[in-house]
Protein backbone atom coordinates (compact mmCIF):
# COMPACT_ATOMS: atom_id res chain seq x y z
CA MET A 1 -57.36 12.98 65.28
CA PRO A 2 -58.64 10.48 67.86
CA ASP A 3 -56.25 7.80 69.06
CA ALA A 4 -58.60 5.12 67.70
CA ILE A 5 -57.61 6.20 64.20
CA ILE A 6 -53.95 6.97 64.76
CA PRO A 7 -52.43 5.12 67.75
CA PRO A 8 -49.92 7.12 69.80
CA PHE A 9 -46.32 6.70 68.74
CA LYS A 10 -43.93 5.28 71.32
CA LYS A 11 -40.35 6.35 70.88
CA PRO A 12 -37.94 3.35 70.77
CA ASP A 13 -35.68 2.91 73.77
CA PRO A 14 -32.15 4.23 73.26
CA GLU A 15 -29.47 1.72 72.29
CA LEU A 16 -25.74 1.77 72.78
CA LEU A 17 -23.71 2.51 69.67
CA SER A 18 -21.61 -0.44 68.54
CA LEU A 19 -18.68 0.06 66.21
CA THR A 20 -18.45 -1.89 62.98
CA PRO A 21 -15.78 -4.59 63.38
CA ASP A 22 -12.71 -4.56 61.18
CA PHE A 23 -13.21 -6.34 57.86
CA LYS A 24 -11.08 -9.46 57.60
CA THR A 25 -8.67 -9.42 54.67
CA SER A 26 -9.56 -13.05 53.99
CA GLY A 27 -13.23 -12.16 53.68
CA LEU A 28 -16.23 -13.50 55.59
CA LEU A 29 -17.02 -16.58 53.49
CA PRO A 30 -16.21 -20.01 54.93
CA GLN A 31 -12.63 -21.00 54.12
CA THR A 32 -12.50 -24.64 55.21
CA PRO A 33 -14.84 -27.67 55.33
CA GLY A 34 -14.93 -27.14 59.09
CA ASP A 35 -16.31 -23.63 58.61
CA VAL A 36 -19.05 -24.98 56.35
CA LEU A 37 -19.92 -27.69 58.89
CA ARG A 38 -20.17 -25.16 61.72
CA ASN A 39 -22.47 -22.97 59.62
CA TYR A 40 -24.63 -25.98 58.77
CA ARG A 41 -24.93 -26.99 62.42
CA GLU A 42 -25.86 -23.42 63.31
CA GLN A 43 -28.71 -23.56 60.78
CA LEU A 44 -29.96 -26.86 62.20
CA LYS A 45 -30.33 -25.35 65.68
CA ALA A 46 -33.56 -23.73 64.54
CA PHE A 47 -35.11 -27.21 64.23
CA HIS A 48 -34.27 -28.27 67.79
CA PRO A 49 -37.47 -26.93 69.46
CA PHE A 50 -39.66 -28.75 66.93
CA GLU A 51 -37.68 -31.97 67.37
CA GLN A 52 -38.10 -31.68 71.13
CA GLN A 53 -41.86 -31.20 70.72
CA ALA A 54 -42.07 -34.36 68.59
CA MET A 55 -40.00 -36.31 71.12
CA ASP A 56 -42.16 -35.15 74.04
CA ALA A 57 -45.37 -36.05 72.15
CA GLU A 58 -44.14 -39.58 71.41
CA ARG A 59 -43.09 -40.16 75.00
CA ALA A 60 -46.39 -38.81 76.32
CA ALA A 61 -48.19 -41.30 74.07
CA GLY A 62 -46.05 -44.15 75.37
CA ARG A 63 -44.29 -44.71 72.06
CA VAL A 64 -40.61 -45.03 71.28
CA TYR A 65 -39.17 -41.95 69.59
CA ALA A 66 -38.03 -43.07 66.13
CA GLY A 67 -36.31 -39.85 65.12
CA ALA A 68 -37.07 -36.34 63.93
CA PRO A 69 -40.11 -35.98 61.65
CA CYS A 70 -39.72 -34.85 58.04
CA MET A 71 -39.87 -31.07 58.25
CA LYS A 72 -38.39 -27.89 56.80
CA MET A 73 -38.34 -24.13 57.18
CA VAL A 74 -39.08 -21.69 54.41
CA THR A 75 -36.46 -18.95 54.17
CA ILE A 76 -37.51 -15.84 52.23
CA THR A 77 -35.18 -12.95 51.39
CA LEU A 78 -36.56 -9.59 50.24
CA CYS A 79 -34.11 -6.96 48.98
CA PHE A 80 -35.45 -3.38 48.68
CA ASP A 81 -33.04 -1.18 46.73
CA GLY A 82 -32.71 2.58 47.13
CA THR A 83 -33.90 5.54 45.09
CA ASN A 84 -32.97 5.30 41.39
CA ASN A 85 -31.22 1.97 41.96
CA HIS A 86 -32.17 -0.65 39.36
CA GLU A 87 -29.98 -3.76 39.39
CA PRO A 88 -30.78 -4.99 35.83
CA SER A 89 -29.42 -1.75 34.34
CA ASP A 90 -26.92 -0.86 37.09
CA SER A 91 -25.14 -4.18 36.55
CA LEU A 92 -24.58 -3.34 32.86
CA ALA A 93 -22.79 -0.08 33.62
CA LEU A 94 -19.00 0.11 33.30
CA PRO A 95 -17.94 0.08 36.05
CA SER A 96 -20.90 -1.64 37.69
CA THR A 97 -22.96 0.67 39.92
CA THR A 98 -24.99 -1.97 41.76
CA THR A 99 -25.59 -1.37 45.47
CA ASN A 100 -24.74 -3.87 48.19
CA VAL A 101 -28.45 -4.63 48.50
CA ALA A 102 -28.37 -5.99 44.95
CA ARG A 103 -25.21 -7.92 45.79
CA LEU A 104 -26.88 -9.35 48.90
CA PHE A 105 -29.71 -10.52 46.64
CA HIS A 106 -27.26 -12.40 44.42
CA ALA A 107 -25.47 -13.80 47.47
CA SER A 108 -28.73 -15.12 48.96
CA LEU A 109 -29.96 -18.63 48.29
CA GLY A 110 -33.02 -19.26 46.16
CA GLY A 111 -34.09 -18.46 42.62
CA SER A 112 -30.88 -19.53 40.89
CA GLU A 113 -30.35 -22.38 38.48
CA HIS A 114 -29.85 -24.80 41.38
CA GLU A 115 -33.14 -26.60 42.06
CA ALA A 116 -31.86 -27.84 45.43
CA GLU A 117 -32.15 -24.30 46.83
CA GLN A 118 -35.91 -24.13 46.40
CA ARG A 119 -36.29 -27.78 47.33
CA GLU A 120 -34.68 -26.92 50.68
CA GLY A 121 -37.04 -23.95 51.08
CA PHE A 122 -34.89 -20.94 50.04
CA TYR A 123 -36.45 -18.11 48.01
CA ARG A 124 -35.15 -14.64 47.17
CA TYR A 125 -36.70 -11.55 45.57
CA TYR A 126 -35.28 -8.20 44.45
CA LEU A 127 -37.35 -5.00 44.43
CA GLN A 128 -35.82 -2.07 42.56
CA GLY A 129 -35.85 1.41 44.06
CA VAL A 130 -38.48 4.11 43.64
CA GLY A 131 -38.15 6.17 40.49
CA THR A 132 -37.07 3.21 38.35
CA GLU A 133 -38.85 0.88 35.93
CA PHE A 134 -40.84 -1.84 37.69
CA LYS A 135 -43.09 -3.47 35.10
CA GLU A 136 -44.66 -5.99 37.48
CA ILE A 137 -46.40 -3.19 39.40
CA GLY A 138 -47.27 -1.08 36.34
CA GLU A 139 -44.27 1.27 36.27
CA PHE A 140 -42.98 0.95 32.70
CA LYS A 141 -40.41 3.76 32.68
CA PRO A 142 -38.33 5.81 35.13
CA ASP A 143 -40.44 8.32 37.03
CA GLY A 144 -39.30 11.70 38.32
CA ALA A 145 -42.09 11.70 40.93
CA GLY A 146 -40.57 8.56 42.40
CA LEU A 147 -37.18 10.22 42.63
CA MET A 148 -38.50 13.37 44.27
CA ALA A 149 -41.51 12.20 46.31
CA SER A 150 -41.08 8.41 46.65
CA VAL A 151 -44.15 7.72 44.53
CA GLY A 152 -44.38 3.95 44.06
CA GLY A 153 -43.10 3.07 47.52
CA GLU A 154 -46.44 1.72 48.69
CA ASN A 155 -46.74 -0.58 45.66
CA ARG A 156 -43.30 -1.98 46.45
CA ILE A 157 -44.45 -2.89 49.94
CA ASN A 158 -47.53 -4.58 48.52
CA TRP A 159 -45.46 -6.42 45.90
CA GLY A 160 -43.21 -7.64 48.71
CA LEU A 161 -46.25 -9.07 50.50
CA THR A 162 -47.25 -10.94 47.34
CA ARG A 163 -43.72 -12.43 47.24
CA LEU A 164 -44.38 -14.10 50.58
CA ILE A 165 -47.46 -15.77 49.09
CA ASP A 166 -45.49 -16.76 45.98
CA ALA A 167 -42.71 -18.36 48.04
CA LEU A 168 -45.15 -20.37 50.16
CA LYS A 169 -47.06 -21.52 47.09
CA ARG A 170 -43.82 -22.78 45.57
CA ALA A 171 -42.82 -24.43 48.85
CA SER A 172 -46.13 -26.32 49.06
CA GLY A 173 -46.16 -27.71 45.53
CA ASP A 174 -45.46 -27.02 41.87
CA THR A 175 -47.46 -23.80 41.81
CA TYR A 176 -46.68 -20.09 41.98
CA LEU A 177 -48.47 -16.75 42.19
CA ASP A 178 -49.04 -15.48 38.67
CA ASN A 179 -47.73 -11.94 38.07
CA GLY A 180 -51.13 -10.83 36.81
CA ASP A 181 -52.85 -12.08 39.96
CA ALA A 182 -50.12 -10.49 42.09
CA TYR A 183 -50.61 -7.13 40.35
CA ALA A 184 -54.35 -7.31 41.01
CA LEU A 185 -53.64 -7.76 44.72
CA VAL A 186 -51.16 -4.87 44.68
CA HIS A 187 -53.74 -2.62 43.03
CA LYS A 188 -56.46 -3.53 45.57
CA MET A 189 -54.14 -2.98 48.54
CA GLY A 190 -53.02 0.44 47.29
CA THR A 191 -54.38 3.79 48.43
CA SER A 192 -55.85 5.98 45.70
CA LEU A 193 -55.79 9.77 45.70
CA THR A 194 -59.58 9.67 45.27
CA GLU A 195 -59.96 7.73 48.53
CA ASP A 196 -57.68 10.19 50.26
CA ALA A 197 -59.71 13.13 48.94
CA LEU A 198 -62.98 11.55 50.11
CA GLY A 199 -61.53 10.78 53.53
CA VAL A 200 -61.95 6.99 53.21
CA SER A 201 -58.47 6.45 54.64
CA LEU A 202 -59.63 8.01 57.93
CA PHE A 203 -61.86 5.01 58.57
CA LYS A 204 -59.78 2.20 57.05
CA ASN A 205 -56.02 2.35 57.53
CA SER A 206 -53.49 0.60 55.33
CA TYR A 207 -53.22 -2.43 57.61
CA ASP A 208 -56.98 -3.10 57.59
CA ARG A 209 -57.12 -2.64 53.81
CA ARG A 210 -54.29 -5.09 53.20
CA LYS A 211 -55.78 -7.61 55.62
CA GLU A 212 -59.15 -7.39 53.87
CA VAL A 213 -57.56 -8.00 50.46
CA LEU A 214 -55.26 -10.82 51.61
CA ASP A 215 -57.72 -12.77 53.77
CA GLN A 216 -58.98 -14.92 50.86
CA PRO A 217 -55.56 -15.61 49.22
CA LEU A 218 -54.11 -16.53 52.63
CA ALA A 219 -57.03 -18.86 53.39
CA GLU A 220 -56.51 -20.59 50.03
CA LEU A 221 -52.79 -20.81 50.71
CA LYS A 222 -53.38 -22.38 54.12
CA ALA A 223 -55.70 -24.96 52.56
CA GLN A 224 -53.03 -25.77 49.96
CA ILE A 225 -50.33 -26.22 52.60
CA ASP A 226 -52.58 -28.31 54.86
CA ALA A 227 -53.51 -30.56 51.92
CA ALA A 228 -49.84 -31.05 51.07
CA HIS A 229 -49.07 -31.91 54.69
CA THR A 230 -52.00 -34.35 54.92
CA GLY A 231 -50.97 -36.05 51.69
CA LYS A 232 -47.33 -36.06 52.82
CA THR A 233 -46.24 -34.72 49.45
CA ILE A 234 -43.88 -32.23 51.07
CA ALA A 235 -41.92 -31.99 54.28
CA GLU A 236 -44.01 -30.28 56.96
CA ILE A 237 -43.37 -26.54 56.98
CA LYS A 238 -42.65 -25.64 60.59
CA ALA A 239 -41.63 -22.00 60.33
CA ILE A 240 -40.86 -19.09 58.04
CA ARG A 241 -37.59 -17.20 58.26
CA LEU A 242 -37.95 -13.76 56.72
CA PHE A 243 -34.88 -11.67 55.90
CA VAL A 244 -35.43 -8.11 54.68
CA TYR A 245 -32.67 -5.80 53.45
CA GLY A 246 -33.25 -2.18 52.53
CA PHE A 247 -31.07 0.74 51.49
CA SER A 248 -31.95 4.45 51.44
CA ARG A 249 -35.69 4.84 50.79
CA GLY A 250 -35.86 1.08 50.38
CA GLY A 251 -35.31 0.82 54.13
CA SER A 252 -38.74 2.20 55.01
CA PRO A 253 -40.71 -0.27 52.83
CA GLY A 254 -38.52 -3.01 54.30
CA ALA A 255 -39.39 -1.89 57.82
CA GLY A 256 -43.07 -1.78 56.86
CA ILE A 257 -42.89 -5.36 55.57
CA CYS A 258 -41.34 -6.48 58.88
CA GLN A 259 -44.14 -4.87 60.84
CA LEU A 260 -46.97 -6.15 58.64
CA ALA A 261 -45.64 -9.71 58.37
CA GLY A 262 -44.78 -9.88 62.07
CA SER A 263 -48.06 -8.50 63.41
CA PRO A 264 -50.07 -10.76 65.75
CA ASP A 265 -52.69 -11.53 63.06
CA GLN A 266 -50.20 -12.54 60.40
CA GLY A 267 -48.52 -15.90 60.83
CA ARG A 268 -47.72 -16.25 64.53
CA GLY A 269 -50.67 -18.44 65.41
CA GLY A 270 -51.24 -22.11 64.65
CA ARG A 271 -48.56 -24.47 63.42
CA HIS A 272 -46.72 -22.01 61.21
CA HIS A 273 -44.46 -19.57 63.02
CA LEU A 274 -42.75 -16.47 61.69
CA LEU A 275 -39.28 -16.31 63.17
CA PRO A 276 -38.32 -12.71 64.06
CA VAL A 277 -35.14 -12.44 62.02
CA CYS A 278 -35.97 -9.37 59.92
CA ARG A 279 -33.05 -7.04 59.32
CA VAL A 280 -33.48 -3.54 57.93
CA ALA A 281 -31.02 -0.73 57.43
CA ASP A 282 -32.34 2.71 56.51
CA GLN A 283 -29.85 5.32 55.39
CA ASN A 284 -32.30 8.09 54.54
CA CYS A 285 -35.42 9.25 56.33
CA VAL A 286 -38.64 9.03 54.34
CA TYR A 287 -41.37 11.59 54.83
CA GLY A 288 -44.75 12.37 53.31
CA LEU A 289 -47.25 10.06 51.65
CA VAL A 290 -45.10 6.96 51.45
CA ARG A 291 -44.12 7.06 55.09
CA HIS A 292 -47.74 7.52 56.14
CA ARG A 293 -49.13 4.87 53.82
CA CYS A 294 -46.56 2.15 54.27
CA LEU A 295 -47.19 2.11 58.00
CA SER A 296 -50.40 1.28 59.82
CA GLY A 297 -51.44 4.87 60.35
CA HIS A 298 -48.55 5.79 62.68
CA PRO A 299 -44.76 6.10 62.52
CA LEU A 300 -42.90 2.80 62.64
CA PRO A 301 -40.09 2.18 65.14
CA GLY A 302 -37.05 1.61 62.97
CA ALA A 303 -38.10 3.90 60.10
CA VAL A 304 -35.69 6.58 61.24
CA CYS A 305 -32.51 8.08 59.88
CA ARG A 306 -29.65 5.61 60.30
CA ARG A 307 -26.32 5.37 58.55
CA PRO A 308 -24.96 1.83 58.85
CA TYR A 309 -21.96 0.91 56.73
CA GLY A 310 -22.05 -0.87 53.47
CA LEU A 311 -25.50 -0.61 51.91
CA GLY A 312 -24.83 2.38 49.64
CA ARG A 313 -23.04 2.16 46.33
CA ARG A 314 -20.26 4.46 47.56
CA HIS A 315 -19.33 2.36 50.59
CA ALA A 316 -16.75 -0.42 50.53
CA ALA A 317 -17.09 -1.29 54.21
CA PRO A 318 -18.78 -4.57 55.23
CA VAL A 319 -22.55 -4.58 55.47
CA ARG A 320 -23.85 -3.91 58.96
CA LEU A 321 -27.55 -4.46 59.59
CA ARG A 322 -29.76 -3.53 62.51
CA SER A 323 -32.81 -5.40 63.71
CA VAL A 324 -36.12 -3.60 64.08
CA SER A 325 -38.25 -6.62 64.99
């Protein structure tokens, strides 16, 4: 096919292998108030460039700098579980068979009973693995095709994109993206077998289709955020921190989300910046329809066979993640 349809794939540069450090017997959670304070100061470093911009603007205008403006960052965590992994049922098993991706979801801030988490801009979402029940995207029972051929992987990517809209809606006011509206977006962004048979996908790749569907919701979202900033009803959203975790086949949808959300047309321009802090671990290679569809018509750097410790249910070693962004 011509390169205009499928861009040439560039092999990632080789990287040195780094060994997983020994797991501390005391664990990795902060043990003292000093540890908590150091972690908090580390988080605040992300605000320093925006504070410096505000200071420079005040000085350039000949005004006295009165202090940092009211601002916040939105932190979104997406957890893509592996094939046949379904936290709601896995957690009921005796003994529990939840993967570390599900445990990372519970360890992440946002979505719990503590309102302060969302008030500070933390949101988390869990996406069960292919082959399992996922009612929000129209999968009402376990599916053998998902287990064997990764059917449903594309819809999980699209549902993950709708979670970004949902988080930003919540961060900009007392609204959210209704599940019915989210499902409609997922359905429109998906590739149908009929389109494949007619060759429509040759002229409109998955990236263009998603962009076409999301243009209007994103424009409405921007207007909502700008109105909230103008009315000073919320702290000004300066940036989005996106964390993505994936295990097994969930690693490839996670990598696709990183690429789609971090592309030049999606969120890097204007006042709102997407900080490149995506983390994806992929234990199993994914081939076939899902791999083709979840990418923008070409293989994605990072969607390769990797075996980091800790993301599978059979590993007790500490989680080790690898950046692909």
